[in-house]
């Protein structure tokens, strides 16, 4: 399927591994010129080399989006290097704190909101003016099924739910401009070095098997490729009637009806 986005320019945050890297690959395979950013220099270099070997036009940028001012800095660097951003994929994220609101500190909440939500909101605000000028743009925010229903830590669930809300609000106010804004909610996705990889490696086989049996209807963890494919489709010309949606990619893991 030709997604009709060849020659567009995308920025994928947290693009050095996992869901971000796979999103960059999926977009690059459609002829999109991809900029990725990450805070780990080695991971960023390795990901950039891998994408280049796949024939993808890619530029890598070091950035820690949990730090104040980093969103504006990376936006300036990326646009100076490659021009206006047509497609923004806010993927960077992470979790801190305990499972409940009492045990999670205010610092936990602040740090989780910084990396999951505020960097995404600031980048949205930065890319929208050029998208409006071009009368075309795609914003895809990576949330979580735990932004739609109970699960995870209190700070993480709060941040991911807020991301879905921000995406919905932006989609309504931008609906006449040619810009679409959607969110994707992955379930438990395994990739090397990710949180579920850590879970598997730090628990007994019995604990891991029990978790899978209780929570994952397909009997296995998810994998990044379907997330990347969903991001690429939502970024395409073919998805021009989809805005304000939140799409679960979770193998049936979530329990919500809507």
Foldseek 3Di string as FASTA:
>chain_A
DQLPCAPAEEEFEPCLDFQNVLLQLLQQVNNYQYEYEEQDPVSQVVSVVVSVVVVGNYHYDHFDQLDPPRLVVVLVVVCVVPNAHQEYELEWADADFDAEDVGRDVVRLSSRLRGQPPSLVVNCVVRVVVCLVVLAHEYEYEAALLCVDPDDHPSNVVNRVVNLVVQLVVQVVCVRRRYAGEYEHEYFEDDPPDPVNVVVVVDDPVVVQVCQVVFAPVSDHHYNNVSSNVSNNSGGPVVSVDHSYYHYDYNPRHDDPD
